[in-house]
All heavy atoms as atom14 arrays in JSON, in Angstrom:
{
  "sequence": "EGIEVVESLAIGDAIRGIAIEGADEDALAR",
  "atom14_mask": [
    [1, 1, 1, 1, 1, 1, 1, 1, 1, 0, 0, 0, 0, 0],
    [1, 1, 1, 1, 0, 0, 0, 0, 0, 0, 0, 0, 0, 0],
    [1, 1, 1, 1, 1, 1, 1, 1, 0, 0, 0, 0, 0, 0],
    [1, 1, 1, 1, 1, 1, 1, 1, 1, 0, 0, 0, 0, 0],
    [1, 1, 1, 1, 1, 1, 1, 0, 0, 0, 0, 0, 0, 0],
    [1, 1, 1, 1, 1, 1, 1, 0, 0, 0, 0, 0, 0, 0],
    [1, 1, 1, 1, 1, 1, 1, 1, 1, 0, 0, 0, 0, 0],
    [1, 1, 1, 1, 1, 1, 0, 0, 0, 0, 0, 0, 0, 0],
    [1, 1, 1, 1, 1, 1, 1, 1, 0, 0, 0, 0, 0, 0],
    [1, 1, 1, 1, 1, 0, 0, 0, 0, 0, 0, 0, 0, 0],
    [1, 1, 1, 1, 1, 1, 1, 1, 0, 0, 0, 0, 0, 0],
    [1, 1, 1, 1, 0, 0, 0, 0, 0, 0, 0, 0, 0, 0],
    [1, 1, 1, 1, 1, 1, 1, 1, 0, 0, 0, 0, 0, 0],
    [1, 1, 1, 1, 1, 0, 0, 0, 0, 0, 0, 0, 0, 0],
    [1, 1, 1, 1, 1, 1, 1, 1, 0, 0, 0, 0, 0, 0],
    [1, 1, 1, 1, 1, 1, 1, 1, 1, 1, 1, 0, 0, 0],
    [1, 1, 1, 1, 0, 0, 0, 0, 0, 0, 0, 0, 0, 0],
    [1, 1, 1, 1, 1, 1, 1, 1, 0, 0, 0, 0, 0, 0],
    [1, 1, 1, 1, 1, 0, 0, 0, 0, 0, 0, 0, 0, 0],
    [1, 1, 1, 1, 1, 1, 1, 1, 0, 0, 0, 0, 0, 0],
    [1, 1, 1, 1, 1, 1, 1, 1, 1, 0, 0, 0, 0, 0],
    [1, 1, 1, 1, 0, 0, 0, 0, 0, 0, 0, 0, 0, 0],
    [1, 1, 1, 1, 1, 0, 0, 0, 0, 0, 0, 0, 0, 0],
    [1, 1, 1, 1, 1, 1, 1, 1, 0, 0, 0, 0, 0, 0],
    [1, 1, 1, 1, 1, 1, 1, 1, 1, 0, 0, 0, 0, 0],
    [1, 1, 1, 1, 1, 1, 1, 1, 0, 0, 0, 0, 0, 0],
    [1, 1, 1, 1, 1, 0, 0, 0, 0, 0, 0, 0, 0, 0],
    [1, 1, 1, 1, 1, 1, 1, 1, 0, 0, 0, 0, 0, 0],
    [1, 1, 1, 1, 1, 0, 0, 0, 0, 0, 0, 0, 0, 0],
    [1, 1, 1, 1, 1, 1, 1, 1, 1, 1, 1, 0, 0, 0]
  ],
  "atom14_positions": [
    [[-57.16, 36.33, -55.04], [-57.87, 35.77, -53.88], [-59.09, 36.63, -53.61], [-59.05, 37.85, -53.77], [-56.98, 35.76, -52.63], [-55.82, 34.79, -52.67], [-55.0, 34.82, -51.39], [-55.57, 35.19, -50.34], [-53.81, 34.5, -51.45], [0.0, 0.0, 0.0], [0.0, 0.0, 0.0], [0.0, 0.0, 0.0], [0.0, 0.0, 0.0], [0.0, 0.0, 0.0]],
    [[-60.18, 35.99, -53.2], [-61.37, 36.74, -52.83], [-62.34, 37.01, -53.96], [-63.12, 37.96, -53.9], [0.0, 0.0, 0.0], [0.0, 0.0, 0.0], [0.0, 0.0, 0.0], [0.0, 0.0, 0.0], [0.0, 0.0, 0.0], [0.0, 0.0, 0.0], [0.0, 0.0, 0.0], [0.0, 0.0, 0.0], [0.0, 0.0, 0.0], [0.0, 0.0, 0.0]],
    [[-62.34, 36.15, -54.97], [-63.25, 36.38, -56.09], [-64.7, 36.31, -55.62], [-65.58, 37.0, -56.17], [-62.99, 35.36, -57.22], [-63.7, 35.8, -58.5], [-63.43, 33.96, -56.82], [-63.17, 37.08, -59.08], [0.0, 0.0, 0.0], [0.0, 0.0, 0.0], [0.0, 0.0, 0.0], [0.0, 0.0, 0.0], [0.0, 0.0, 0.0], [0.0, 0.0, 0.0]],
    [[-64.98, 35.52, -54.58], [-66.34, 35.45, -54.07], [-66.76, 36.78, -53.43], [-67.94, 37.15, -53.45], [-66.48, 34.31, -53.05], [-65.78, 34.52, -51.72], [-64.27, 34.32, -51.77], [-63.75, 33.92, -52.83], [-63.62, 34.57, -50.74], [0.0, 0.0, 0.0], [0.0, 0.0, 0.0], [0.0, 0.0, 0.0], [0.0, 0.0, 0.0], [0.0, 0.0, 0.0]],
    [[-65.78, 37.52, -52.9], [-66.06, 38.85, -52.37], [-66.41, 39.79, -53.5], [-67.38, 40.56, -53.42], [-64.87, 39.38, -51.56], [-65.13, 40.83, -51.1], [-64.58, 38.5, -50.37], [0.0, 0.0, 0.0], [0.0, 0.0, 0.0], [0.0, 0.0, 0.0], [0.0, 0.0, 0.0], [0.0, 0.0, 0.0], [0.0, 0.0, 0.0], [0.0, 0.0, 0.0]],
    [[-65.63, 39.76, -54.56], [-65.9, 40.6, -55.73], [-67.32, 40.37, -56.23], [-68.06, 41.32, -56.49], [-64.89, 40.3, -56.86], [-65.3, 41.0, -58.16], [-63.48, 40.72, -56.46], [0.0, 0.0, 0.0], [0.0, 0.0, 0.0], [0.0, 0.0, 0.0], [0.0, 0.0, 0.0], [0.0, 0.0, 0.0], [0.0, 0.0, 0.0], [0.0, 0.0, 0.0]],
    [[-67.71, 39.11, -56.34], [-69.04, 38.79, -56.87], [-70.16, 39.23, -55.94], [-71.3, 39.42, -56.38], [-69.13, 37.3, -57.15], [-68.22, 36.84, -58.27], [-68.35, 35.36, -58.55], [-68.0, 34.55, -57.68], [-68.81, 35.01, -59.67], [0.0, 0.0, 0.0], [0.0, 0.0, 0.0], [0.0, 0.0, 0.0], [0.0, 0.0, 0.0], [0.0, 0.0, 0.0]],
    [[-69.84, 39.42, -54.65], [-70.89, 39.8, -53.68], [-71.0, 41.3, -53.46], [-71.95, 41.76, -52.83], [-70.61, 39.12, -52.33], [-69.48, 39.71, -51.69], [0.0, 0.0, 0.0], [0.0, 0.0, 0.0], [0.0, 0.0, 0.0], [0.0, 0.0, 0.0], [0.0, 0.0, 0.0], [0.0, 0.0, 0.0], [0.0, 0.0, 0.0], [0.0, 0.0, 0.0]],
    [[-70.05, 42.09, -53.96], [-70.05, 43.52, -53.7], [-71.3, 44.19, -54.26], [-71.73, 43.89, -55.38], [-68.79, 44.17, -54.31], [-67.47, 43.83, -53.61], [-66.3, 44.33, -54.43], [-67.45, 44.41, -52.19], [0.0, 0.0, 0.0], [0.0, 0.0, 0.0], [0.0, 0.0, 0.0], [0.0, 0.0, 0.0], [0.0, 0.0, 0.0], [0.0, 0.0, 0.0]],
    [[-71.85, 45.12, -53.47], [-73.08, 45.81, -53.86], [-72.94, 47.3, -53.59], [-72.01, 47.76, -52.92], [-74.26, 45.24, -53.07], [0.0, 0.0, 0.0], [0.0, 0.0, 0.0], [0.0, 0.0, 0.0], [0.0, 0.0, 0.0], [0.0, 0.0, 0.0], [0.0, 0.0, 0.0], [0.0, 0.0, 0.0], [0.0, 0.0, 0.0], [0.0, 0.0, 0.0]],
    [[-73.88, 48.07, -54.11], [-73.89, 49.52, -53.89], [-73.96, 49.79, -52.39], [-74.8, 49.25, -51.68], [-75.09, 50.16, -54.61], [-74.93, 50.02, -56.13], [-75.22, 51.63, -54.23], [-76.14, 50.49, -56.92], [0.0, 0.0, 0.0], [0.0, 0.0, 0.0], [0.0, 0.0, 0.0], [0.0, 0.0, 0.0], [0.0, 0.0, 0.0], [0.0, 0.0, 0.0]],
    [[-73.06, 50.63, -51.91], [-73.01, 50.99, -50.5], [-71.95, 50.24, -49.71], [-71.6, 50.67, -48.61], [0.0, 0.0, 0.0], [0.0, 0.0, 0.0], [0.0, 0.0, 0.0], [0.0, 0.0, 0.0], [0.0, 0.0, 0.0], [0.0, 0.0, 0.0], [0.0, 0.0, 0.0], [0.0, 0.0, 0.0], [0.0, 0.0, 0.0], [0.0, 0.0, 0.0]],
    [[-71.44, 49.13, -50.23], [-70.38, 48.41, -49.54], [-69.13, 49.29, -49.47], [-68.79, 50.0, -50.42], [-70.05, 47.1, -50.24], [-71.12, 46.05, -50.02], [-71.87, 46.17, -49.03], [-71.22, 45.11, -50.83], [0.0, 0.0, 0.0], [0.0, 0.0, 0.0], [0.0, 0.0, 0.0], [0.0, 0.0, 0.0], [0.0, 0.0, 0.0], [0.0, 0.0, 0.0]],
    [[-68.44, 49.23, -48.34], [-67.33, 50.14, -48.09], [-65.98, 49.54, -48.43], [-65.76, 48.32, -48.31], [-67.33, 50.57, -46.62], [0.0, 0.0, 0.0], [0.0, 0.0, 0.0], [0.0, 0.0, 0.0], [0.0, 0.0, 0.0], [0.0, 0.0, 0.0], [0.0, 0.0, 0.0], [0.0, 0.0, 0.0], [0.0, 0.0, 0.0], [0.0, 0.0, 0.0]],
    [[-65.07, 50.42, -48.84], [-63.65, 50.1, -48.95], [-63.02, 50.57, -47.64], [-62.89, 51.77, -47.4], [-63.0, 50.82, -50.14], [-63.69, 50.45, -51.45], [-61.5, 50.5, -50.21], [-63.29, 51.33, -52.62], [0.0, 0.0, 0.0], [0.0, 0.0, 0.0], [0.0, 0.0, 0.0], [0.0, 0.0, 0.0], [0.0, 0.0, 0.0], [0.0, 0.0, 0.0]],
    [[-62.68, 49.66, -46.78], [-62.11, 50.04, -45.49], [-60.7, 50.58, -45.64], [-60.25, 51.44, -44.89], [-62.14, 48.85, -44.55], [-63.56, 48.42, -44.15], [-63.56, 47.13, -43.37], [-64.88, 46.82, -42.85], [-65.23, 45.64, -42.38], [-64.35, 44.63, -42.38], [-66.45, 45.43, -41.92], [0.0, 0.0, 0.0], [0.0, 0.0, 0.0], [0.0, 0.0, 0.0]],
    [[-59.99, 50.06, -46.61], [-58.63, 50.51, -46.88], [-57.99, 49.63, -47.92], [-58.49, 48.53, -48.21], [0.0, 0.0, 0.0], [0.0, 0.0, 0.0], [0.0, 0.0, 0.0], [0.0, 0.0, 0.0], [0.0, 0.0, 0.0], [0.0, 0.0, 0.0], [0.0, 0.0, 0.0], [0.0, 0.0, 0.0], [0.0, 0.0, 0.0], [0.0, 0.0, 0.0]],
    [[-56.9, 50.11, -48.5], [-56.17, 49.32, -49.49], [-54.7, 49.31, -49.1], [-54.05, 50.36, -49.01], [-56.33, 49.89, -50.91], [-57.8, 49.88, -51.33], [-55.48, 49.08, -51.9], [-58.05, 50.47, -52.72], [0.0, 0.0, 0.0], [0.0, 0.0, 0.0], [0.0, 0.0, 0.0], [0.0, 0.0, 0.0], [0.0, 0.0, 0.0], [0.0, 0.0, 0.0]],
    [[-54.16, 48.12, -48.83], [-52.75, 47.96, -48.52], [-52.03, 47.45, -49.76], [-52.59, 46.68, -50.55], [-52.57, 46.98, -47.36], [0.0, 0.0, 0.0], [0.0, 0.0, 0.0], [0.0, 0.0, 0.0], [0.0, 0.0, 0.0], [0.0, 0.0, 0.0], [0.0, 0.0, 0.0], [0.0, 0.0, 0.0], [0.0, 0.0, 0.0], [0.0, 0.0, 0.0]],
    [[-50.79, 47.87, -49.94], [-50.0, 47.45, -51.09], [-48.83, 46.61, -50.61], [-47.98, 47.06, -49.84], [-49.46, 48.66, -51.88], [-50.62, 49.57, -52.32], [-48.65, 48.18, -53.09], [-51.61, 48.94, -53.27], [0.0, 0.0, 0.0], [0.0, 0.0, 0.0], [0.0, 0.0, 0.0], [0.0, 0.0, 0.0], [0.0, 0.0, 0.0], [0.0, 0.0, 0.0]],
    [[-48.8, 45.36, -51.08], [-47.69, 44.47, -50.78], [-46.72, 44.44, -51.96], [-47.13, 44.63, -53.11], [-48.2, 43.05, -50.51], [-49.15, 42.95, -49.33], [-49.73, 41.56, -49.17], [-49.57, 40.73, -50.1], [-50.35, 41.29, -48.12], [0.0, 0.0, 0.0], [0.0, 0.0, 0.0], [0.0, 0.0, 0.0], [0.0, 0.0, 0.0], [0.0, 0.0, 0.0]],
    [[-45.43, 44.23, -51.7], [-44.45, 44.08, -52.76], [-43.95, 45.37, -53.35], [-43.21, 45.35, -54.34], [0.0, 0.0, 0.0], [0.0, 0.0, 0.0], [0.0, 0.0, 0.0], [0.0, 0.0, 0.0], [0.0, 0.0, 0.0], [0.0, 0.0, 0.0], [0.0, 0.0, 0.0], [0.0, 0.0, 0.0], [0.0, 0.0, 0.0], [0.0, 0.0, 0.0]],
    [[-44.32, 46.51, -52.76], [-43.87, 47.8, -53.27], [-42.46, 48.1, -52.78], [-42.01, 47.57, -51.76], [-44.83, 48.9, -52.83], [0.0, 0.0, 0.0], [0.0, 0.0, 0.0], [0.0, 0.0, 0.0], [0.0, 0.0, 0.0], [0.0, 0.0, 0.0], [0.0, 0.0, 0.0], [0.0, 0.0, 0.0], [0.0, 0.0, 0.0], [0.0, 0.0, 0.0]],
    [[-41.78, 48.97, -53.49], [-40.51, 49.53, -53.03], [-40.88, 50.59, -52.0], [-41.27, 51.7, -52.35], [-39.75, 50.15, -54.21], [-38.4, 50.73, -53.8], [-38.25, 51.16, -52.64], [-37.5, 50.78, -54.67], [0.0, 0.0, 0.0], [0.0, 0.0, 0.0], [0.0, 0.0, 0.0], [0.0, 0.0, 0.0], [0.0, 0.0, 0.0], [0.0, 0.0, 0.0]],
    [[-40.79, 50.26, -50.72], [-41.31, 51.12, -49.67], [-40.62, 52.48, -49.62], [-41.26, 53.51, -49.4], [-41.19, 50.42, -48.31], [-42.03, 49.16, -48.18], [-43.53, 49.43, -48.26], [-43.94, 50.58, -48.05], [-44.29, 48.48, -48.54], [0.0, 0.0, 0.0], [0.0, 0.0, 0.0], [0.0, 0.0, 0.0], [0.0, 0.0, 0.0], [0.0, 0.0, 0.0]],
    [[-39.3, 52.5, -49.82], [-38.58, 53.77, -49.78], [-39.01, 54.66, -50.94], [-39.25, 55.86, -50.77], [-37.07, 53.54, -49.83], [-36.53, 52.9, -48.56], [-37.2, 53.03, -47.52], [-35.46, 52.27, -48.63], [0.0, 0.0, 0.0], [0.0, 0.0, 0.0], [0.0, 0.0, 0.0], [0.0, 0.0, 0.0], [0.0, 0.0, 0.0], [0.0, 0.0, 0.0]],
    [[-39.11, 54.07, -52.13], [-39.52, 54.83, -53.31], [-40.95, 55.33, -53.16], [-41.28, 56.47, -53.53], [-39.39, 53.98, -54.57], [0.0, 0.0, 0.0], [0.0, 0.0, 0.0], [0.0, 0.0, 0.0], [0.0, 0.0, 0.0], [0.0, 0.0, 0.0], [0.0, 0.0, 0.0], [0.0, 0.0, 0.0], [0.0, 0.0, 0.0], [0.0, 0.0, 0.0]],
    [[-41.81, 54.5, -52.58], [-43.2, 54.89, -52.4], [-43.32, 56.02, -51.37], [-44.1, 56.96, -51.56], [-44.04, 53.69, -51.96], [-45.53, 53.93, -51.76], [-46.17, 54.54, -53.0], [-46.23, 52.62, -51.39], [0.0, 0.0, 0.0], [0.0, 0.0, 0.0], [0.0, 0.0, 0.0], [0.0, 0.0, 0.0], [0.0, 0.0, 0.0], [0.0, 0.0, 0.0]],
    [[-42.54, 55.94, -50.31], [-42.56, 57.0, -49.3], [-42.14, 58.34, -49.91], [-42.73, 59.38, -49.61], [-41.64, 56.64, -48.14], [0.0, 0.0, 0.0], [0.0, 0.0, 0.0], [0.0, 0.0, 0.0], [0.0, 0.0, 0.0], [0.0, 0.0, 0.0], [0.0, 0.0, 0.0], [0.0, 0.0, 0.0], [0.0, 0.0, 0.0], [0.0, 0.0, 0.0]],
    [[-41.14, 58.3, -50.77], [-40.7, 59.53, -51.44], [-41.77, 60.03, -52.41], [-42.03, 61.24, -52.52], [-39.38, 59.31, -52.19], [-38.19, 59.09, -51.28], [-36.89, 59.16, -52.07], [-36.82, 58.12, -53.09], [-36.29, 56.92, -52.9], [-35.82, 56.58, -51.7], [-36.24, 56.03, -53.88], [0.0, 0.0, 0.0], [0.0, 0.0, 0.0], [0.0, 0.0, 0.0]]
  ]
}
């Protein structure tokens, strides 16, 4: 999802954050 965003990204555009869905939360916390 968001391929139009990918195509619009330019130098200086920010990564506000990256969330991970579907992870093993307990294993990731460890």
